Amino acid sequence: MGEKKSLISQGKLSSLVQFYQSAVNTALQSPNGHLDLFLRFLLGLSLQTNQSLLQGLLTQTGSSSQTNQETVQFIKEKISEDLSAEKSVNLFHCLNELNDGSLVEEIQQFLSSGHFSTDELSPAQWSALVFILLSSEEDLEEFDLKKYSASEETLLRMLPVIKASNKSLLDNCNLSERSCAALSSVLSSQSSRLRDLDLSYNNLQDSGVKLLSAGLENPHCKLETLRLMSCSLSDNSCEALGLALKKNPSYLTELDLSRNNLQDSGVLHLCGFLESPDCRLQSLRLWTCSLSEISCEALGSALKNNPSNLTELNLSWNRDLQDSGVLHLCGFLKSPGCRLQSLRLTRCYLSEISCEALVSALKKNPSNLTELDLSGNNLLDSGVLHLCGFLESPDCKLQTLRLWSCVLSKISCAALVAALNSNPSHLTELDLRNNSFQVSDVQQLQDLVESPNSKLQTLRWGL
């Protein structure tokens, strides 16, 4: 009789194990994860401690510690099968329900040892690492892929962490269009917290940005900062980005496409987004993008139609902009709605003509610009004399002025001293490096740094 009861008990045990294994498999086959929470709930009920709490509401299932151990082992085997990151994370939640944290403890010991290398991790250990990061709110404010491994495979394993992070630094990580496809799904997710994405210095190419754009145009995407510096992009990327952002224009506030061969045709594609009434872009960086005065004309027109949001514009190291390009920008700068605070035009082959045009525009709308960089241009003393007319304006709020390598002499120093004495209340940084100055030429400027009546704090003038 005792042997018969033992066989019946073993049969029940085998049936329960099969039941829980079947539940796990069914949840894993769910395409949208709608059974994940139910599976955790079901496994939580299987613990004898929980069954005793629910006695009277739930009929006894006959579950035992052996059943739970076999279920735990089954789940660990599933995790080892290199499932998608999302499914693996849910299985770790299931292990938590069954009071098993062995895999997590193993990774925590690796992390605390100081000799941690992701190159040695198994699929199950990778999943445990993702689970640990998702369980730590502190780690999710900023995620830097390079701390683990600068590779595409690592990114694909870390997608749930990227999705849960506010800021993801993925720059210089050997990524390609494959990563862009995965990130597009993150951007399209309603539950994504991602607001700041840096993909600079990766060989994404136009094909990658086209995939990324599918996520950017999704109404669920709330990305605020996108950096794509030096990603081997052309005007085709701008076309895809422009169309996507025009469909979903109201969140992005910072866009960096510097060091890509965008050319004027690329900027023309972006202008449809820039002039959209819902565009909220505050920072646009396009340095070293092979642009000419055509880009300036298009930008000036677009920004004049929607002038009130942009606060930073960087067009440096575009040698074909020249004076004619700056003249086109001035229509935007003098617009009453212009709120630009930072303008950088380093190495754009400008002359005193640009200085005269800029001063004329800024005098009509002087109170917003706080940073002006005209370094590396052939401005000469005559150009600086024009700038001093702006500096001495009572409404001028300029705090930083950079004029390194501008072919200046002591005449510029004397003019700057006079202007700052006339309006001493705002300029805090002046960069005059690599110009033809002697110590005596800059002595009066140095005296301003030391004067309690002057706001000037930093003066750079050597080579």
Protein backbone atom coordinates (compact mmCIF):
# COMPACT_ATOMS: atom_id res chain seq x y z
CA MET A 1 0.00 0.00 0.00
CA GLY A 2 2.86 2.38 0.89
CA GLU A 3 4.59 1.65 -2.41
CA LYS A 4 1.37 2.45 -4.29
CA LYS A 5 1.07 5.84 -2.51
CA SER A 6 4.70 6.57 -3.38
CA LEU A 7 4.06 5.87 -7.06
CA ILE A 8 0.98 8.12 -7.04
CA SER A 9 3.01 10.87 -5.35
CA GLN A 10 5.77 10.55 -7.95
CA GLY A 11 3.16 10.73 -10.71
CA LYS A 12 1.75 13.96 -9.24
CA LEU A 13 5.25 15.38 -8.96
CA SER A 14 6.05 14.52 -12.57
CA SER A 15 2.75 16.03 -13.70
CA LEU A 16 3.40 19.29 -11.82
CA VAL A 17 6.91 19.61 -13.22
CA GLN A 18 5.53 19.11 -16.73
CA PHE A 19 2.81 21.66 -16.01
CA TYR A 20 5.29 24.37 -14.94
CA GLN A 21 7.63 23.54 -17.81
CA SER A 22 4.75 23.82 -20.23
CA ALA A 23 3.81 27.20 -18.71
CA VAL A 24 7.37 28.45 -19.20
CA ASN A 25 7.46 27.29 -22.83
CA THR A 26 4.07 28.86 -23.56
CA ALA A 27 5.17 32.22 -22.14
CA LEU A 28 8.41 32.09 -24.16
CA GLN A 29 6.44 31.49 -27.36
CA SER A 30 4.27 34.55 -26.73
CA PRO A 31 5.24 37.15 -29.38
CA ASN A 32 4.43 40.21 -27.25
CA GLY A 33 5.20 38.97 -23.73
CA HIS A 34 1.60 39.23 -22.54
CA LEU A 35 1.96 36.03 -20.46
CA ASP A 36 5.15 37.12 -18.63
CA LEU A 37 3.46 38.54 -15.53
CA PHE A 38 1.06 35.60 -15.32
CA LEU A 39 3.99 33.15 -15.41
CA ARG A 40 5.71 34.98 -12.52
CA PHE A 41 2.44 34.93 -10.57
CA LEU A 42 1.92 31.21 -11.24
CA LEU A 43 5.43 30.27 -10.16
CA GLY A 44 5.13 32.43 -7.06
CA LEU A 45 2.02 30.48 -6.08
CA SER A 46 3.94 27.23 -6.41
CA LEU A 47 6.01 27.99 -3.29
CA GLN A 48 4.71 26.10 -0.28
CA THR A 49 4.98 29.27 1.87
CA ASN A 50 2.57 31.07 -0.45
CA GLN A 51 0.20 28.10 -0.63
CA SER A 52 -0.08 28.06 3.15
CA LEU A 53 -0.95 31.78 3.13
CA LEU A 54 -3.67 31.14 0.57
CA GLN A 55 -5.08 28.05 2.33
CA GLY A 56 -8.81 28.01 2.02
CA LEU A 57 -8.76 30.05 -1.21
CA LEU A 58 -6.64 27.62 -3.21
CA THR A 59 -6.82 23.86 -3.36
CA GLN A 60 -3.55 22.14 -2.44
CA THR A 61 -1.49 21.49 -5.57
CA GLY A 62 0.92 19.10 -3.97
CA SER A 63 3.89 21.21 -5.12
CA SER A 64 7.13 20.43 -3.29
CA SER A 65 10.66 21.77 -3.01
CA GLN A 66 11.72 19.07 -5.49
CA THR A 67 9.18 20.38 -8.00
CA ASN A 68 10.54 23.89 -7.58
CA GLN A 69 14.14 22.73 -7.93
CA GLU A 70 13.36 20.97 -11.19
CA THR A 71 11.49 24.05 -12.44
CA VAL A 72 14.45 26.24 -11.49
CA GLN A 73 16.82 23.96 -13.38
CA PHE A 74 14.53 23.98 -16.41
CA ILE A 75 14.42 27.80 -16.42
CA LYS A 76 18.22 28.00 -16.16
CA GLU A 77 18.53 25.68 -19.14
CA LYS A 78 16.20 27.97 -21.10
CA ILE A 79 18.29 31.01 -20.17
CA SER A 80 21.39 29.18 -21.45
CA GLU A 81 19.75 28.81 -24.87
CA ASP A 82 20.66 32.45 -25.68
CA LEU A 83 17.11 33.78 -25.81
CA SER A 84 16.25 37.39 -26.62
CA ALA A 85 17.30 39.77 -23.87
CA GLU A 86 13.71 40.61 -22.92
CA LYS A 87 12.68 36.96 -22.52
CA SER A 88 15.78 36.18 -20.46
CA VAL A 89 15.08 39.08 -18.11
CA ASN A 90 11.58 37.76 -17.48
CA LEU A 91 12.97 34.31 -16.69
CA PHE A 92 15.22 35.92 -14.07
CA HIS A 93 12.11 37.47 -12.52
CA CYS A 94 10.69 33.94 -12.48
CA LEU A 95 13.79 32.65 -10.66
CA ASN A 96 13.26 35.43 -8.14
CA GLU A 97 9.71 34.20 -7.57
CA LEU A 98 11.18 30.75 -6.88
CA ASN A 99 13.73 32.24 -4.46
CA ASP A 100 16.74 31.31 -6.60
CA GLY A 101 19.39 34.01 -7.12
CA SER A 102 22.40 31.83 -7.82
CA LEU A 103 23.14 33.18 -11.32
CA VAL A 104 22.80 36.77 -10.17
CA GLU A 105 25.06 36.16 -7.16
CA GLU A 106 27.67 34.63 -9.47
CA ILE A 107 27.83 37.78 -11.63
CA GLN A 108 27.82 40.05 -8.58
CA GLN A 109 30.90 38.20 -7.32
CA PHE A 110 32.57 38.76 -10.72
CA LEU A 111 31.72 42.46 -10.58
CA SER A 112 33.08 42.89 -7.07
CA SER A 113 36.27 40.94 -7.84
CA GLY A 114 37.71 43.72 -10.02
CA HIS A 115 38.74 41.19 -12.70
CA PHE A 116 35.49 41.25 -14.63
CA SER A 117 35.59 40.67 -18.40
CA THR A 118 32.49 40.36 -20.55
CA ASP A 119 34.49 38.33 -23.09
CA GLU A 120 34.25 35.35 -20.74
CA LEU A 121 30.49 35.46 -20.09
CA SER A 122 28.09 32.72 -21.10
CA PRO A 123 24.62 33.61 -22.45
CA ALA A 124 23.12 32.92 -19.02
CA GLN A 125 25.68 35.16 -17.32
CA TRP A 126 25.01 37.92 -19.86
CA SER A 127 21.33 37.72 -19.00
CA ALA A 128 22.16 37.89 -15.31
CA LEU A 129 24.24 41.03 -15.88
CA VAL A 130 21.35 42.69 -17.74
CA PHE A 131 19.00 41.74 -14.91
CA ILE A 132 21.36 43.26 -12.32
CA LEU A 133 21.63 46.53 -14.27
CA LEU A 134 17.87 46.73 -14.69
CA SER A 135 17.47 46.25 -10.96
CA SER A 136 19.74 49.21 -10.19
CA GLU A 137 18.10 52.60 -10.71
CA GLU A 138 21.45 54.35 -10.24
CA ASP A 139 22.98 52.62 -13.27
CA LEU A 140 20.09 53.48 -15.57
CA GLU A 141 20.45 57.26 -15.61
CA GLU A 142 23.45 56.90 -17.95
CA PHE A 143 24.55 53.71 -19.72
CA ASP A 144 28.00 53.60 -21.33
CA LEU A 145 28.49 50.54 -23.55
CA LYS A 146 32.30 50.94 -23.49
CA LYS A 147 32.35 49.99 -19.80
CA TYR A 148 31.39 46.45 -20.82
CA SER A 149 32.51 45.85 -24.39
CA ALA A 150 32.58 48.19 -27.39
CA SER A 151 30.89 45.77 -29.76
CA GLU A 152 27.68 45.19 -31.62
CA GLU A 153 27.07 41.83 -29.93
CA THR A 154 27.21 43.47 -26.53
CA LEU A 155 24.76 46.18 -27.62
CA LEU A 156 22.25 43.57 -28.79
CA ARG A 157 22.47 41.78 -25.44
CA MET A 158 22.08 45.07 -23.56
CA LEU A 159 19.00 46.35 -25.39
CA PRO A 160 16.71 46.15 -22.31
CA VAL A 161 19.22 48.29 -20.39
CA ILE A 162 19.39 50.84 -23.22
CA LYS A 163 15.61 50.92 -23.36
CA ALA A 164 15.42 51.61 -19.62
CA SER A 165 18.21 54.23 -19.63
CA ASN A 166 17.72 57.96 -19.88
CA LYS A 167 21.06 58.44 -21.65
CA SER A 168 22.98 55.87 -23.72
CA LEU A 169 26.59 56.46 -24.76
CA LEU A 170 27.24 54.17 -27.72
CA ASP A 171 29.93 56.26 -29.40
CA ASN A 172 33.03 54.60 -30.89
CA CYS A 173 31.71 51.06 -30.30
CA ASN A 174 32.22 49.44 -33.73
CA LEU A 175 28.50 49.55 -34.53
CA SER A 176 26.85 49.15 -37.93
CA GLU A 177 23.37 49.28 -39.46
CA ARG A 178 22.50 46.10 -37.54
CA SER A 179 22.62 48.10 -34.32
CA CYS A 180 20.45 50.82 -35.88
CA ALA A 181 17.71 48.29 -36.62
CA ALA A 182 17.72 47.15 -32.99
CA LEU A 183 17.78 50.71 -31.65
CA SER A 184 14.89 51.64 -33.92
CA SER A 185 12.73 49.12 -32.07
CA VAL A 186 13.82 50.69 -28.75
CA LEU A 187 12.84 54.17 -29.97
CA SER A 188 9.48 52.84 -31.15
CA SER A 189 8.63 51.29 -27.79
CA GLN A 190 6.02 53.05 -25.70
CA SER A 191 7.86 52.03 -22.51
CA SER A 192 11.28 53.32 -23.61
CA ARG A 193 12.92 55.90 -21.29
CA LEU A 194 15.65 56.76 -23.79
CA ARG A 195 16.02 60.53 -24.24
CA ASP A 196 19.73 60.99 -25.10
CA LEU A 197 21.48 58.82 -27.71
CA ASP A 198 25.11 59.17 -28.81
CA LEU A 199 26.13 57.03 -31.80
CA SER A 200 29.11 59.12 -32.90
CA TYR A 201 32.22 57.58 -34.46
CA ASN A 202 30.50 54.42 -35.71
CA ASN A 203 30.38 53.30 -39.33
CA LEU A 204 26.57 53.45 -39.52
CA GLN A 205 26.39 54.82 -43.07
CA ASP A 206 23.18 56.02 -44.72
CA SER A 207 21.61 52.56 -44.57
CA GLY A 208 21.90 52.58 -40.76
CA VAL A 209 20.37 56.04 -40.36
CA LYS A 210 17.45 55.05 -42.58
CA LEU A 211 16.70 52.17 -40.20
CA LEU A 212 17.07 54.46 -37.20
CA SER A 213 14.70 56.98 -38.78
CA ALA A 214 11.87 54.46 -38.69
CA GLY A 215 12.08 54.65 -34.91
CA LEU A 216 12.47 58.44 -34.83
CA GLU A 217 9.24 59.00 -36.71
CA ASN A 218 7.25 56.71 -34.41
CA PRO A 219 4.83 58.72 -32.22
CA HIS A 220 6.13 56.84 -29.15
CA CYS A 221 9.68 58.16 -29.73
CA LYS A 222 10.53 60.98 -27.30
CA LEU A 223 14.26 61.27 -28.02
CA GLU A 224 15.61 64.72 -27.14
CA THR A 225 19.32 64.44 -28.08
CA LEU A 226 20.81 62.63 -31.08
CA ARG A 227 24.53 62.65 -31.87
CA LEU A 228 25.75 61.12 -35.14
CA MET A 229 29.16 62.73 -35.48
CA SER A 230 31.55 61.02 -37.90
CA CYS A 231 29.28 58.14 -38.95
CA SER A 232 30.11 58.04 -42.69
CA LEU A 233 26.87 59.78 -43.66
CA SER A 234 25.86 61.66 -46.81
CA ASP A 235 22.91 63.81 -47.87
CA ASN A 236 20.80 60.62 -48.05
CA SER A 237 20.91 60.39 -44.26
CA CYS A 238 19.65 63.96 -44.00
CA GLU A 239 16.76 63.14 -46.28
CA ALA A 240 15.70 60.20 -44.09
CA LEU A 241 16.17 62.18 -40.87
CA GLY A 242 14.37 65.22 -42.23
CA LEU A 243 11.30 63.20 -43.22
CA ALA A 244 11.24 61.30 -39.92
CA LEU A 245 11.65 64.39 -37.74
CA LYS A 246 9.05 66.30 -39.70
CA LYS A 247 6.57 63.54 -38.81
CA ASN A 248 7.56 63.64 -35.13
CA PRO A 249 9.16 67.08 -34.60
CA SER A 250 8.26 68.17 -31.12
CA TYR A 251 10.78 66.35 -28.87
CA LEU A 252 14.26 66.60 -30.40
CA THR A 253 16.22 69.53 -28.94
CA GLU A 254 19.82 68.64 -29.91
CA LEU A 255 21.13 67.28 -33.23
CA ASP A 256 24.82 66.76 -34.03
CA LEU A 257 25.71 65.62 -37.57
CA SER A 258 29.25 67.00 -37.62
CA ARG A 259 32.13 65.44 -39.56
CA ASN A 260 29.90 63.85 -42.20
CA ASN A 261 29.90 64.62 -45.93
CA LEU A 262 26.38 66.05 -45.90
CA GLN A 263 26.99 68.86 -48.40
CA ASP A 264 24.42 71.55 -49.19
CA SER A 265 21.89 69.02 -50.46
CA GLY A 266 21.84 67.41 -47.02
CA VAL A 267 21.09 70.68 -45.24
CA LEU A 268 18.30 71.42 -47.71
CA HIS A 269 16.64 68.14 -46.65
CA LEU A 270 16.85 69.13 -42.98
CA CYS A 271 15.28 72.53 -43.49
CA GLY A 272 11.78 71.12 -43.87
CA PHE A 273 12.05 69.93 -40.28
CA LEU A 274 13.68 73.13 -39.03
CA GLU A 275 10.93 75.40 -40.34
CA SER A 276 8.14 73.17 -39.03
CA PRO A 277 6.07 75.08 -36.45
CA ASP A 278 6.36 72.13 -34.06
CA CYS A 279 10.16 71.93 -34.30
CA ARG A 280 11.75 72.52 -30.88
CA LEU A 281 15.43 72.08 -31.84
CA GLN A 282 17.75 74.14 -29.64
CA SER A 283 21.21 72.95 -30.73
CA LEU A 284 22.36 72.20 -34.29
CA ARG A 285 25.97 71.19 -34.96
CA LEU A 286 27.14 70.82 -38.55
CA TRP A 287 30.88 71.46 -38.38
CA THR A 288 33.06 69.89 -41.09
CA CYS A 289 30.14 68.89 -43.33
CA SER A 290 31.34 70.30 -46.70
CA LEU A 291 28.84 73.17 -46.65
CA SER A 292 28.79 76.40 -48.65
CA GLU A 293 26.82 79.65 -48.73
CA ILE A 294 23.90 77.64 -50.20
CA SER A 295 23.47 75.93 -46.83
CA CYS A 296 23.56 79.27 -45.04
CA GLU A 297 20.89 80.65 -47.32
CA ALA A 298 18.63 77.64 -46.68
CA LEU A 299 19.28 77.69 -42.93
CA GLY A 300 18.71 81.43 -42.71
CA SER A 301 15.37 81.12 -44.46
CA ALA A 302 14.18 78.11 -42.42
CA LEU A 303 15.26 79.58 -39.08
CA LYS A 304 13.72 82.94 -39.90
CA ASN A 305 10.38 81.11 -40.32
CA ASN A 306 10.82 79.42 -36.92
CA PRO A 307 13.42 81.48 -35.01
CA SER A 308 12.47 81.19 -31.38
CA ASN A 309 13.96 77.84 -30.28
CA LEU A 310 17.49 77.52 -31.66
CA THR A 311 20.09 78.63 -29.12
CA GLU A 312 23.28 77.00 -30.52
CA LEU A 313 24.52 76.87 -34.12
CA ASN A 314 27.93 75.44 -35.02
CA LEU A 315 28.97 75.69 -38.68
CA SER A 316 32.74 75.67 -38.08
CA TRP A 317 35.32 74.16 -40.42
CA ASN A 318 33.15 74.57 -43.53
CA ARG A 319 35.61 76.44 -45.72
CA ASP A 320 33.16 77.30 -48.48
CA LEU A 321 30.78 79.30 -46.28
CA GLN A 322 32.78 82.49 -46.68
CA ASP A 323 31.42 86.02 -46.23
CA SER A 324 28.51 85.41 -48.58
CA GLY A 325 27.26 82.62 -46.33
CA VAL A 326 27.38 84.80 -43.20
CA LEU A 327 25.41 87.50 -45.02
CA HIS A 328 22.59 84.96 -45.54
CA LEU A 329 22.60 84.03 -41.84
CA CYS A 330 22.24 87.63 -40.75
CA GLY A 331 18.57 87.74 -41.77
CA PHE A 332 17.91 85.14 -39.06
CA LEU A 333 20.18 86.84 -36.50
CA LYS A 334 18.40 90.19 -36.79
CA SER A 335 14.94 88.59 -36.60
CA PRO A 336 13.08 89.78 -33.47
CA GLY A 337 12.27 86.17 -32.57
CA CYS A 338 15.91 84.98 -32.74
CA ARG A 339 17.12 83.54 -29.40
CA LEU A 340 20.55 82.31 -30.52
CA GLN A 341 23.07 82.23 -27.67
CA SER A 342 26.07 80.48 -29.26
CA LEU A 343 27.42 80.95 -32.81
CA ARG A 344 30.58 79.18 -33.97
CA LEU A 345 32.13 79.90 -37.34
CA THR A 346 35.73 78.71 -36.91
CA ARG A 347 37.78 78.28 -40.12
CA CYS A 348 35.06 79.35 -42.54
CA TYR A 349 37.27 81.63 -44.68
CA LEU A 350 35.73 84.82 -43.37
CA SER A 351 37.02 88.39 -43.56
CA GLU A 352 36.18 91.77 -42.02
CA ILE A 353 33.07 91.79 -44.25
CA SER A 354 31.55 89.05 -42.08
CA CYS A 355 32.36 91.01 -38.92
CA GLU A 356 30.63 94.10 -40.27
CA ALA A 357 27.52 92.11 -41.28
CA LEU A 358 27.36 90.27 -37.96
CA VAL A 359 27.64 93.45 -35.92
CA SER A 360 24.91 95.13 -37.96
CA ALA A 361 22.58 92.15 -37.36
CA LEU A 362 23.45 91.72 -33.68
CA LYS A 363 22.97 95.40 -32.90
CA LYS A 364 19.34 95.00 -33.99
CA ASN A 365 18.90 91.96 -31.71
CA PRO A 366 21.78 92.14 -29.22
CA SER A 367 20.60 90.71 -25.94
CA ASN A 368 20.75 86.93 -26.47
CA LEU A 369 24.17 86.02 -27.92
CA THR A 370 26.60 84.98 -25.16
CA GLU A 371 29.24 83.05 -27.17
CA LEU A 372 30.85 83.98 -30.50
CA ASP A 373 33.71 82.02 -32.08
CA LEU A 374 35.26 83.48 -35.24
CA SER A 375 38.68 81.86 -34.79
CA GLY A 376 40.89 80.81 -37.69
CA ASN A 377 39.55 83.46 -40.07
CA ASN A 378 41.37 86.34 -41.81
CA LEU A 379 39.52 89.05 -39.86
CA LEU A 380 42.44 91.45 -39.40
CA ASP A 381 42.30 94.45 -37.08
CA SER A 382 39.62 96.06 -39.22
CA GLY A 383 37.28 93.14 -38.47
CA VAL A 384 37.86 93.41 -34.72
CA LEU A 385 37.15 97.15 -34.86
CA HIS A 386 33.69 96.27 -36.20
CA LEU A 387 33.19 93.73 -33.39
CA CYS A 388 34.11 96.30 -30.78
CA GLY A 389 31.15 98.37 -31.91
CA PHE A 390 28.96 95.49 -30.77
CA LEU A 391 30.90 94.86 -27.54
CA GLU A 392 30.43 98.42 -26.35
CA SER A 393 26.69 98.37 -27.02
CA PRO A 394 24.85 98.61 -23.66
CA ASP A 395 22.55 95.72 -24.66
CA CYS A 396 25.44 93.38 -25.56
CA LYS A 397 25.48 90.30 -23.28
CA LEU A 398 28.45 88.49 -24.88
CA GLN A 399 30.38 86.41 -22.32
CA THR A 400 32.81 84.44 -24.51
CA LEU A 401 34.67 85.75 -27.57
CA ARG A 402 37.19 83.55 -29.39
CA LEU A 403 39.48 85.12 -32.00
CA TRP A 404 42.52 82.84 -32.13
CA SER A 405 44.53 82.84 -35.40
CA CYS A 406 42.77 85.90 -36.88
CA VAL A 407 45.88 87.88 -38.02
CA LEU A 408 45.52 90.52 -35.30
CA SER A 409 47.97 93.09 -33.94
CA LYS A 410 48.18 95.47 -30.98
CA ILE A 411 45.56 97.65 -32.69
CA SER A 412 42.96 94.98 -31.90
CA CYS A 413 44.12 94.83 -28.27
CA ALA A 414 43.71 98.59 -27.83
CA ALA A 415 40.25 98.52 -29.43
CA LEU A 416 39.13 95.63 -27.19
CA VAL A 417 40.36 97.44 -24.08
CA ALA A 418 38.37 100.54 -25.02
CA ALA A 419 35.22 98.53 -25.75
CA LEU A 420 35.41 96.55 -22.49
CA ASN A 421 36.01 99.70 -20.47
CA SER A 422 32.91 101.14 -22.09
CA ASN A 423 30.79 98.05 -21.29
CA PRO A 424 32.58 96.03 -18.61
CA SER A 425 29.70 94.01 -17.24
CA HIS A 426 29.53 90.76 -19.26
CA LEU A 427 32.60 89.42 -21.13
CA THR A 428 34.30 86.74 -19.00
CA GLU A 429 36.48 84.88 -21.56
CA LEU A 430 38.62 86.26 -24.39
CA ASP A 431 40.78 83.99 -26.56
CA LEU A 432 43.40 85.78 -28.69
CA ARG A 433 45.94 82.97 -29.09
CA ASN A 434 48.22 82.67 -32.11
CA ASN A 435 48.08 86.34 -33.10
CA SER A 436 50.98 88.76 -33.44
CA PHE A 437 51.07 90.17 -29.91
CA GLN A 438 53.85 91.24 -27.57
CA VAL A 439 53.52 91.18 -23.80
CA SER A 440 53.11 94.96 -23.79
CA ASP A 441 50.24 94.73 -26.30
CA VAL A 442 48.05 92.65 -24.01
CA GLN A 443 49.07 94.24 -20.71
CA GLN A 444 45.97 96.43 -20.50
CA LEU A 445 43.75 93.41 -21.18
CA GLN A 446 45.58 91.52 -18.43
CA ASP A 447 44.96 94.48 -16.13
CA LEU A 448 41.23 94.08 -16.80
CA VAL A 449 41.41 90.46 -15.64
CA GLU A 450 42.85 91.66 -12.35
CA SER A 451 40.51 94.64 -11.99
CA PRO A 452 37.57 94.25 -9.57
CA ASN A 453 35.46 96.43 -11.87
CA SER A 454 35.78 94.06 -14.84
CA LYS A 455 34.05 90.71 -15.37
CA LEU A 456 36.89 89.41 -17.57
CA GLN A 457 38.26 86.28 -15.90
CA THR A 458 40.13 84.39 -18.64
CA LEU A 459 42.53 85.85 -21.20
CA ARG A 460 44.42 83.58 -23.59
CA TRP A 461 46.92 85.20 -25.89
CA GLY A 462 50.05 83.05 -26.33
CA LEU A 463 50.79 80.52 -29.05
